Amino acid sequence: GRTLEFDEHPDRIVLAEGRAVFATSALQDDPFDNIV
């Protein structure tokens, strides 16, 4: 329920739970794009 504001889309994202790539797989052609 927290609101955050970013100037632009982030370039460098850390997935503290690695299995979140299940989700990013459904959103982009390369699930690791912008994931560092």
ModelCIF file with pLDDT and N, C-alpha, C, O atoms, coordinates in Angstrom:
data_MODEL
#
_entry.id   MODEL 
#
_entity.id                         1 
_entity.type                       polymer 
_entity.pdbx_number_of_molecules   1 
#
_entity_poly.entity_id                      1 
_entity_poly.type                           'polypeptide(L)' 
_entity_poly.nstd_linkage                   no 
_entity_poly.nstd_monomer                   no 
_entity_poly.pdbx_seq_one_letter_code       GRTLEFDEHPDRIVLAEGRAVFATSALQDDPFDNIV 
_entity_poly.pdbx_seq_one_letter_code_can   GRTLEFDEHPDRIVLAEGRAVFATSALQDDPFDNIV 
_entity_poly.pdbx_strand_id                 A 
#
loop_
_entity_poly_seq.entity_id 
_entity_poly_seq.num 
_entity_poly_seq.mon_id 
_entity_poly_seq.hetero 
1 1  GLY n 
1 2  ARG n 
1 3  THR n 
1 4  LEU n 
1 5  GLU n 
1 6  PHE n 
1 7  ASP n 
1 8  GLU n 
1 9  HIS n 
1 10 PRO n 
1 11 ASP n 
1 12 ARG n 
1 13 ILE n 
1 14 VAL n 
1 15 LEU n 
1 16 ALA n 
1 17 GLU n 
1 18 GLY n 
1 19 ARG n 
1 20 ALA n 
1 21 VAL n 
1 22 PHE n 
1 23 ALA n 
1 24 THR n 
1 25 SER n 
1 26 ALA n 
1 27 LEU n 
1 28 GLN n 
1 29 ASP n 
1 30 ASP n 
1 31 PRO n 
1 32 PHE n 
1 33 ASP n 
1 34 ASN n 
1 35 ILE n 
1 36 VAL n 
#
_struct_asym.id          A 
_struct_asym.entity_id   1 
#
loop_
_ma_qa_metric.id 
_ma_qa_metric.mode 
_ma_qa_metric.name 
_ma_qa_metric.software_group_id 
_ma_qa_metric.type 
1 global pLDDT . pLDDT 
2 local  pLDDT . pLDDT 
#
_ma_qa_metric_global.metric_id      1 
_ma_qa_metric_global.metric_value   96.92 
_ma_qa_metric_global.model_id       1 
_ma_qa_metric_global.ordinal_id     1 
#
loop_
_ma_qa_metric_local.label_asym_id 
_ma_qa_metric_local.label_comp_id 
_ma_qa_metric_local.label_seq_id 
_ma_qa_metric_local.metric_id 
_ma_qa_metric_local.metric_value 
_ma_qa_metric_local.model_id 
_ma_qa_metric_local.ordinal_id 
A GLY 1  2 97.00 1 1  
A ARG 2  2 97.00 1 2  
A THR 3  2 96.00 1 3  
A LEU 4  2 96.00 1 4  
A GLU 5  2 95.00 1 5  
A PHE 6  2 95.00 1 6  
A ASP 7  2 93.00 1 7  
A GLU 8  2 91.00 1 8  
A HIS 9  2 92.00 1 9  
A PRO 10 2 96.00 1 10 
A ASP 11 2 95.00 1 11 
A ARG 12 2 98.00 1 12 
A ILE 13 2 98.00 1 13 
A VAL 14 2 98.00 1 14 
A LEU 15 2 98.00 1 15 
A ALA 16 2 98.00 1 16 
A GLU 17 2 97.00 1 17 
A GLY 18 2 97.00 1 18 
A ARG 19 2 97.00 1 19 
A ALA 20 2 98.00 1 20 
A VAL 21 2 98.00 1 21 
A PHE 22 2 98.00 1 22 
A ALA 23 2 98.00 1 23 
A THR 24 2 98.00 1 24 
A SER 25 2 98.00 1 25 
A ALA 26 2 98.00 1 26 
A LEU 27 2 98.00 1 27 
A GLN 28 2 98.00 1 28 
A ASP 29 2 97.00 1 29 
A ASP 30 2 98.00 1 30 
A PRO 31 2 98.00 1 31 
A PHE 32 2 98.00 1 32 
A ASP 33 2 98.00 1 33 
A ASN 34 2 98.00 1 34 
A ILE 35 2 98.00 1 35 
A VAL 36 2 98.00 1 36 
#
loop_
_atom_site.group_PDB 
_atom_site.id 
_atom_site.type_symbol 
_atom_site.label_atom_id 
_atom_site.label_alt_id 
_atom_site.label_comp_id 
_atom_site.label_asym_id 
_atom_site.label_entity_id 
_atom_site.label_seq_id 
_atom_site.pdbx_PDB_ins_code 
_atom_site.Cartn_x 
_atom_site.Cartn_y 
_atom_site.Cartn_z 
_atom_site.occupancy 
_atom_site.B_iso_or_equiv 
_atom_site.pdbx_formal_charge 
_atom_site.auth_seq_id 
_atom_site.auth_comp_id 
_atom_site.auth_asym_id 
_atom_site.auth_atom_id 
_atom_site.pdbx_PDB_model_num 
ATOM 1   N N  . GLY A 1 1  ? 0.788  -1.220  0.000   1.00 97.00 ? 1  GLY A N  1 
ATOM 2   C CA . GLY A 1 1  ? 0.000  0.000   0.000   1.00 97.00 ? 1  GLY A CA 1 
ATOM 3   C C  . GLY A 1 1  ? 0.823  1.273   0.000   1.00 97.00 ? 1  GLY A C  1 
ATOM 4   O O  . GLY A 1 1  ? 0.277  2.360   0.194   1.00 97.00 ? 1  GLY A O  1 
ATOM 5   N N  . ARG A 1 2  ? 2.116  1.161   -0.212  1.00 97.00 ? 2  ARG A N  1 
ATOM 6   C CA . ARG A 1 2  ? 3.015  2.317   -0.207  1.00 97.00 ? 2  ARG A CA 1 
ATOM 7   C C  . ARG A 1 2  ? 3.085  2.933   -1.604  1.00 97.00 ? 2  ARG A C  1 
ATOM 8   O O  . ARG A 1 2  ? 3.105  2.216   -2.604  1.00 97.00 ? 2  ARG A O  1 
ATOM 9   N N  . THR A 1 3  ? 3.121  4.262   -1.666  1.00 96.00 ? 3  THR A N  1 
ATOM 10  C CA . THR A 1 3  ? 3.229  4.972   -2.933  1.00 96.00 ? 3  THR A CA 1 
ATOM 11  C C  . THR A 1 3  ? 4.653  5.472   -3.117  1.00 96.00 ? 3  THR A C  1 
ATOM 12  O O  . THR A 1 3  ? 5.231  6.084   -2.219  1.00 96.00 ? 3  THR A O  1 
ATOM 13  N N  . LEU A 1 4  ? 5.207  5.206   -4.289  1.00 96.00 ? 4  LEU A N  1 
ATOM 14  C CA . LEU A 1 4  ? 6.555  5.652   -4.615  1.00 96.00 ? 4  LEU A CA 1 
ATOM 15  C C  . LEU A 1 4  ? 6.522  6.424   -5.927  1.00 96.00 ? 4  LEU A C  1 
ATOM 16  O O  . LEU A 1 4  ? 5.683  6.174   -6.793  1.00 96.00 ? 4  LEU A O  1 
ATOM 17  N N  . GLU A 1 5  ? 7.448  7.364   -6.057  1.00 95.00 ? 5  GLU A N  1 
ATOM 18  C CA . GLU A 1 5  ? 7.540  8.164   -7.269  1.00 95.00 ? 5  GLU A CA 1 
ATOM 19  C C  . GLU A 1 5  ? 8.958  8.096   -7.818  1.00 95.00 ? 5  GLU A C  1 
ATOM 20  O O  . GLU A 1 5  ? 9.928  8.292   -7.086  1.00 95.00 ? 5  GLU A O  1 
ATOM 21  N N  . PHE A 1 6  ? 9.069  7.817   -9.113  1.00 95.00 ? 6  PHE A N  1 
ATOM 22  C CA . PHE A 1 6  ? 10.351 7.746   -9.798  1.00 95.00 ? 6  PHE A CA 1 
ATOM 23  C C  . PHE A 1 6  ? 10.371 8.784   -10.916 1.00 95.00 ? 6  PHE A C  1 
ATOM 24  O O  . PHE A 1 6  ? 9.369  8.978   -11.605 1.00 95.00 ? 6  PHE A O  1 
ATOM 25  N N  . ASP A 1 7  ? 11.504 9.446   -11.095 1.00 93.00 ? 7  ASP A N  1 
ATOM 26  C CA . ASP A 1 7  ? 11.634 10.411  -12.188 1.00 93.00 ? 7  ASP A CA 1 
ATOM 27  C C  . ASP A 1 7  ? 11.453 9.725   -13.534 1.00 93.00 ? 7  ASP A C  1 
ATOM 28  O O  . ASP A 1 7  ? 10.802 10.257  -14.433 1.00 93.00 ? 7  ASP A O  1 
ATOM 29  N N  . GLU A 1 8  ? 12.037 8.534   -13.662 1.00 91.00 ? 8  GLU A N  1 
ATOM 30  C CA . GLU A 1 8  ? 11.963 7.742   -14.888 1.00 91.00 ? 8  GLU A CA 1 
ATOM 31  C C  . GLU A 1 8  ? 11.914 6.273   -14.516 1.00 91.00 ? 8  GLU A C  1 
ATOM 32  O O  . GLU A 1 8  ? 12.053 5.908   -13.348 1.00 91.00 ? 8  GLU A O  1 
ATOM 33  N N  . HIS A 1 9  ? 11.713 5.432   -15.525 1.00 92.00 ? 9  HIS A N  1 
ATOM 34  C CA . HIS A 1 9  ? 11.747 4.000   -15.269 1.00 92.00 ? 9  HIS A CA 1 
ATOM 35  C C  . HIS A 1 9  ? 13.156 3.600   -14.827 1.00 92.00 ? 9  HIS A C  1 
ATOM 36  O O  . HIS A 1 9  ? 14.139 4.016   -15.440 1.00 92.00 ? 9  HIS A O  1 
ATOM 37  N N  . PRO A 1 10 ? 13.254 2.809   -13.784 1.00 96.00 ? 10 PRO A N  1 
ATOM 38  C CA . PRO A 1 10 ? 14.572 2.437   -13.268 1.00 96.00 ? 10 PRO A CA 1 
ATOM 39  C C  . PRO A 1 10 ? 15.349 1.553   -14.246 1.00 96.00 ? 10 PRO A C  1 
ATOM 40  O O  . PRO A 1 10 ? 14.779 0.725   -14.957 1.00 96.00 ? 10 PRO A O  1 
ATOM 41  N N  . ASP A 1 11 ? 16.659 1.755   -14.257 1.00 95.00 ? 11 ASP A N  1 
ATOM 42  C CA . ASP A 1 11 ? 17.544 0.949   -15.099 1.00 95.00 ? 11 ASP A CA 1 
ATOM 43  C C  . ASP A 1 11 ? 18.085 -0.270  -14.357 1.00 95.00 ? 11 ASP A C  1 
ATOM 44  O O  . ASP A 1 11 ? 18.371 -1.303  -14.963 1.00 95.00 ? 11 ASP A O  1 
ATOM 45  N N  . ARG A 1 12 ? 18.222 -0.136  -13.046 1.00 98.00 ? 12 ARG A N  1 
ATOM 46  C CA . ARG A 1 12 ? 18.915 -1.161  -12.266 1.00 98.00 ? 12 ARG A CA 1 
ATOM 47  C C  . ARG A 1 12 ? 17.994 -1.648  -11.141 1.00 98.00 ? 12 ARG A C  1 
ATOM 48  O O  . ARG A 1 12 ? 17.759 -0.953  -10.153 1.00 98.00 ? 12 ARG A O  1 
ATOM 49  N N  . ILE A 1 13 ? 17.488 -2.860  -11.329 1.00 98.00 ? 13 ILE A N  1 
ATOM 50  C CA . ILE A 1 13 ? 16.533 -3.451  -10.396 1.00 98.00 ? 13 ILE A CA 1 
ATOM 51  C C  . ILE A 1 13 ? 17.149 -4.706  -9.779  1.00 98.00 ? 13 ILE A C  1 
ATOM 52  O O  . ILE A 1 13 ? 17.684 -5.559  -10.488 1.00 98.00 ? 13 ILE A O  1 
ATOM 53  N N  . VAL A 1 14 ? 17.067 -4.808  -8.467  1.00 98.00 ? 14 VAL A N  1 
ATOM 54  C CA . VAL A 1 14 ? 17.466 -6.020  -7.760  1.00 98.00 ? 14 VAL A CA 1 
ATOM 55  C C  . VAL A 1 14 ? 16.200 -6.770  -7.349  1.00 98.00 ? 14 VAL A C  1 
ATOM 56  O O  . VAL A 1 14 ? 15.315 -6.201  -6.710  1.00 98.00 ? 14 VAL A O  1 
ATOM 57  N N  . LEU A 1 15 ? 16.120 -8.046  -7.718  1.00 98.00 ? 15 LEU A N  1 
ATOM 58  C CA . LEU A 1 15 ? 15.014 -8.896  -7.285  1.00 98.00 ? 15 LEU A CA 1 
ATOM 59  C C  . LEU A 1 15 ? 15.472 -9.648  -6.042  1.00 98.00 ? 15 LEU A C  1 
ATOM 60  O O  . LEU A 1 15 ? 16.182 -10.648 -6.143  1.00 98.00 ? 15 LEU A O  1 
ATOM 61  N N  . ALA A 1 16 ? 15.069 -9.170  -4.882  1.00 98.00 ? 16 ALA A N  1 
ATOM 62  C CA . ALA A 1 16 ? 15.513 -9.803  -3.639  1.00 98.00 ? 16 ALA A CA 1 
ATOM 63  C C  . ALA A 1 16 ? 15.038 -11.239 -3.558  1.00 98.00 ? 16 ALA A C  1 
ATOM 64  O O  . ALA A 1 16 ? 15.702 -12.072 -2.941  1.00 98.00 ? 16 ALA A O  1 
ATOM 65  N N  . GLU A 1 17 ? 13.908 -11.548 -4.165  1.00 97.00 ? 17 GLU A N  1 
ATOM 66  C CA . GLU A 1 17 ? 13.494 -12.937 -4.353  1.00 97.00 ? 17 GLU A CA 1 
ATOM 67  C C  . GLU A 1 17 ? 13.667 -13.263 -5.825  1.00 97.00 ? 17 GLU A C  1 
ATOM 68  O O  . GLU A 1 17 ? 12.981 -12.709 -6.685  1.00 97.00 ? 17 GLU A O  1 
ATOM 69  N N  . GLY A 1 18 ? 14.592 -14.167 -6.102  1.00 97.00 ? 18 GLY A N  1 
ATOM 70  C CA . GLY A 1 18 ? 14.932 -14.478 -7.487  1.00 97.00 ? 18 GLY A CA 1 
ATOM 71  C C  . GLY A 1 18 ? 13.779 -15.029 -8.293  1.00 97.00 ? 18 GLY A C  1 
ATOM 72  O O  . GLY A 1 18 ? 13.717 -14.845 -9.509  1.00 97.00 ? 18 GLY A O  1 
ATOM 73  N N  . ARG A 1 19 ? 12.858 -15.710 -7.614  1.00 97.00 ? 19 ARG A N  1 
ATOM 74  C CA . ARG A 1 19 ? 11.739 -16.306 -8.336  1.00 97.00 ? 19 ARG A CA 1 
ATOM 75  C C  . ARG A 1 19 ? 10.766 -15.270 -8.886  1.00 97.00 ? 19 ARG A C  1 
ATOM 76  O O  . ARG A 1 19 ? 9.790  -15.623 -9.549  1.00 97.00 ? 19 ARG A O  1 
ATOM 77  N N  . ALA A 1 20 ? 11.024 -14.001 -8.616  1.00 98.00 ? 20 ALA A N  1 
ATOM 78  C CA . ALA A 1 20 ? 10.225 -12.949 -9.250  1.00 98.00 ? 20 ALA A CA 1 
ATOM 79  C C  . ALA A 1 20 ? 10.418 -12.939 -10.756 1.00 98.00 ? 20 ALA A C  1 
ATOM 80  O O  . ALA A 1 20 ? 9.657  -12.283 -11.468 1.00 98.00 ? 20 ALA A O  1 
ATOM 81  N N  . VAL A 1 21 ? 11.429 -13.658 -11.262 1.00 98.00 ? 21 VAL A N  1 
ATOM 82  C CA . VAL A 1 21 ? 11.585 -13.741 -12.719 1.00 98.00 ? 21 VAL A CA 1 
ATOM 83  C C  . VAL A 1 21 ? 10.463 -14.552 -13.362 1.00 98.00 ? 21 VAL A C  1 
ATOM 84  O O  . VAL A 1 21 ? 10.270 -14.469 -14.574 1.00 98.00 ? 21 VAL A O  1 
ATOM 85  N N  . PHE A 1 22 ? 9.722  -15.330 -12.581 1.00 98.00 ? 22 PHE A N  1 
ATOM 86  C CA . PHE A 1 22 ? 8.489  -15.895 -13.134 1.00 98.00 ? 22 PHE A CA 1 
ATOM 87  C C  . PHE A 1 22 ? 7.609  -14.756 -13.646 1.00 98.00 ? 22 PHE A C  1 
ATOM 88  O O  . PHE A 1 22 ? 7.054  -14.829 -14.743 1.00 98.00 ? 22 PHE A O  1 
ATOM 89  N N  . ALA A 1 23 ? 7.493  -13.709 -12.838 1.00 98.00 ? 23 ALA A N  1 
ATOM 90  C CA . ALA A 1 23 ? 6.642  -12.574 -13.195 1.00 98.00 ? 23 ALA A CA 1 
ATOM 91  C C  . ALA A 1 23 ? 7.235  -11.757 -14.330 1.00 98.00 ? 23 ALA A C  1 
ATOM 92  O O  . ALA A 1 23 ? 6.524  -11.400 -15.269 1.00 98.00 ? 23 ALA A O  1 
ATOM 93  N N  . THR A 1 24 ? 8.527  -11.455 -14.260 1.00 98.00 ? 24 THR A N  1 
ATOM 94  C CA . THR A 1 24 ? 9.129  -10.641 -15.321 1.00 98.00 ? 24 THR A CA 1 
ATOM 95  C C  . THR A 1 24 ? 9.135  -11.388 -16.650 1.00 98.00 ? 24 THR A C  1 
ATOM 96  O O  . THR A 1 24 ? 9.171  -10.766 -17.712 1.00 98.00 ? 24 THR A O  1 
ATOM 97  N N  . SER A 1 25 ? 9.100  -12.722 -16.596 1.00 98.00 ? 25 SER A N  1 
ATOM 98  C CA . SER A 1 25 ? 9.039  -13.509 -17.829 1.00 98.00 ? 25 SER A CA 1 
ATOM 99  C C  . SER A 1 25 ? 7.756  -13.257 -18.605 1.00 98.00 ? 25 SER A C  1 
ATOM 100 O O  . SER A 1 25 ? 7.744  -13.328 -19.834 1.00 98.00 ? 25 SER A O  1 
ATOM 101 N N  . ALA A 1 26 ? 6.685  -12.965 -17.895 1.00 98.00 ? 26 ALA A N  1 
ATOM 102 C CA . ALA A 1 26 ? 5.406  -12.717 -18.552 1.00 98.00 ? 26 ALA A CA 1 
ATOM 103 C C  . ALA A 1 26 ? 5.281  -11.281 -19.047 1.00 98.00 ? 26 ALA A C  1 
ATOM 104 O O  . ALA A 1 26 ? 4.321  -10.942 -19.740 1.00 98.00 ? 26 ALA A O  1 
ATOM 105 N N  . LEU A 1 27 ? 6.246  -10.438 -18.692 1.00 98.00 ? 27 LEU A N  1 
ATOM 106 C CA . LEU A 1 27 ? 6.148  -9.029  -19.034 1.00 98.00 ? 27 LEU A CA 1 
ATOM 107 C C  . LEU A 1 27 ? 7.109  -8.581  -20.124 1.00 98.00 ? 27 LEU A C  1 
ATOM 108 O O  . LEU A 1 27 ? 6.852  -7.584  -20.798 1.00 98.00 ? 27 LEU A O  1 
ATOM 109 N N  . GLN A 1 28 ? 8.212  -9.299  -20.310 1.00 98.00 ? 28 GLN A N  1 
ATOM 110 C CA . GLN A 1 28 ? 9.193  -8.842  -21.293 1.00 98.00 ? 28 GLN A CA 1 
ATOM 111 C C  . GLN A 1 28 ? 9.895  -10.025 -21.947 1.00 98.00 ? 28 GLN A C  1 
ATOM 112 O O  . GLN A 1 28 ? 9.974  -11.116 -21.383 1.00 98.00 ? 28 GLN A O  1 
ATOM 113 N N  . ASP A 1 29 ? 10.401 -9.780  -23.146 1.00 97.00 ? 29 ASP A N  1 
ATOM 114 C CA . ASP A 1 29 ? 11.006 -10.852 -23.930 1.00 97.00 ? 29 ASP A CA 1 
ATOM 115 C C  . ASP A 1 29 ? 12.226 -11.448 -23.250 1.00 97.00 ? 29 ASP A C  1 
ATOM 116 O O  . ASP A 1 29 ? 12.495 -12.642 -23.381 1.00 97.00 ? 29 ASP A O  1 
ATOM 117 N N  . ASP A 1 30 ? 12.958 -10.625 -22.531 1.00 98.00 ? 30 ASP A N  1 
ATOM 118 C CA . ASP A 1 30 ? 14.082 -11.106 -21.738 1.00 98.00 ? 30 ASP A CA 1 
ATOM 119 C C  . ASP A 1 30 ? 13.751 -10.820 -20.279 1.00 98.00 ? 30 ASP A C  1 
ATOM 120 O O  . ASP A 1 30 ? 13.738 -9.658  -19.873 1.00 98.00 ? 30 ASP A O  1 
ATOM 121 N N  . PRO A 1 31 ? 13.483 -11.852 -19.479 1.00 98.00 ? 31 PRO A N  1 
ATOM 122 C CA . PRO A 1 31 ? 13.065 -11.620 -18.088 1.00 98.00 ? 31 PRO A CA 1 
ATOM 123 C C  . PRO A 1 31 ? 14.119 -10.925 -17.244 1.00 98.00 ? 31 PRO A C  1 
ATOM 124 O O  . PRO A 1 31 ? 13.814 -10.428 -16.160 1.00 98.00 ? 31 PRO A O  1 
ATOM 125 N N  . PHE A 1 32 ? 15.378 -10.882 -17.736 1.00 98.00 ? 32 PHE A N  1 
ATOM 126 C CA . PHE A 1 32 ? 16.450 -10.257 -16.979 1.00 98.00 ? 32 PHE A CA 1 
ATOM 127 C C  . PHE A 1 32 ? 16.751 -8.823  -17.422 1.00 98.00 ? 32 PHE A C  1 
ATOM 128 O O  . PHE A 1 32 ? 17.673 -8.201  -16.894 1.00 98.00 ? 32 PHE A O  1 
ATOM 129 N N  . ASP A 1 33 ? 15.996 -8.294  -18.372 1.00 98.00 ? 33 ASP A N  1 
ATOM 130 C CA . ASP A 1 33 ? 16.190 -6.901  -18.774 1.00 98.00 ? 33 ASP A CA 1 
ATOM 131 C C  . ASP A 1 33 ? 16.022 -5.986  -17.563 1.00 98.00 ? 33 ASP A C  1 
ATOM 132 O O  . ASP A 1 33 ? 15.040 -6.089  -16.827 1.00 98.00 ? 33 ASP A O  1 
ATOM 133 N N  . ASN A 1 34 ? 16.984 -5.094  -17.364 1.00 98.00 ? 34 ASN A N  1 
ATOM 134 C CA . ASN A 1 34 ? 16.991 -4.127  -16.263 1.00 98.00 ? 34 ASN A CA 1 
ATOM 135 C C  . ASN A 1 34 ? 17.161 -4.767  -14.890 1.00 98.00 ? 34 ASN A C  1 
ATOM 136 O O  . ASN A 1 34 ? 17.098 -4.075  -13.874 1.00 98.00 ? 34 ASN A O  1 
ATOM 137 N N  . ILE A 1 35 ? 17.377 -6.081  -14.849 1.00 98.00 ? 35 ILE A N  1 
ATOM 138 C CA . ILE A 1 35 ? 17.664 -6.769  -13.592 1.00 98.00 ? 35 ILE A CA 1 
ATOM 139 C C  . ILE A 1 35 ? 19.177 -6.880  -13.450 1.00 98.00 ? 35 ILE A C  1 
ATOM 140 O O  . ILE A 1 35 ? 19.856 -7.322  -14.378 1.00 98.00 ? 35 ILE A O  1 
ATOM 141 N N  . VAL A 1 36 ? 19.708 -6.485  -12.302 1.00 98.00 ? 36 VAL A N  1 
ATOM 142 C CA . VAL A 1 36 ? 21.167 -6.509  -12.118 1.00 98.00 ? 36 VAL A CA 1 
ATOM 143 C C  . VAL A 1 36 ? 21.614 -7.542  -11.093 1.00 98.00 ? 36 VAL A C  1 
ATOM 144 O O  . VAL A 1 36 ? 22.809 -7.677  -10.834 1.00 98.00 ? 36 VAL A O  1 
#
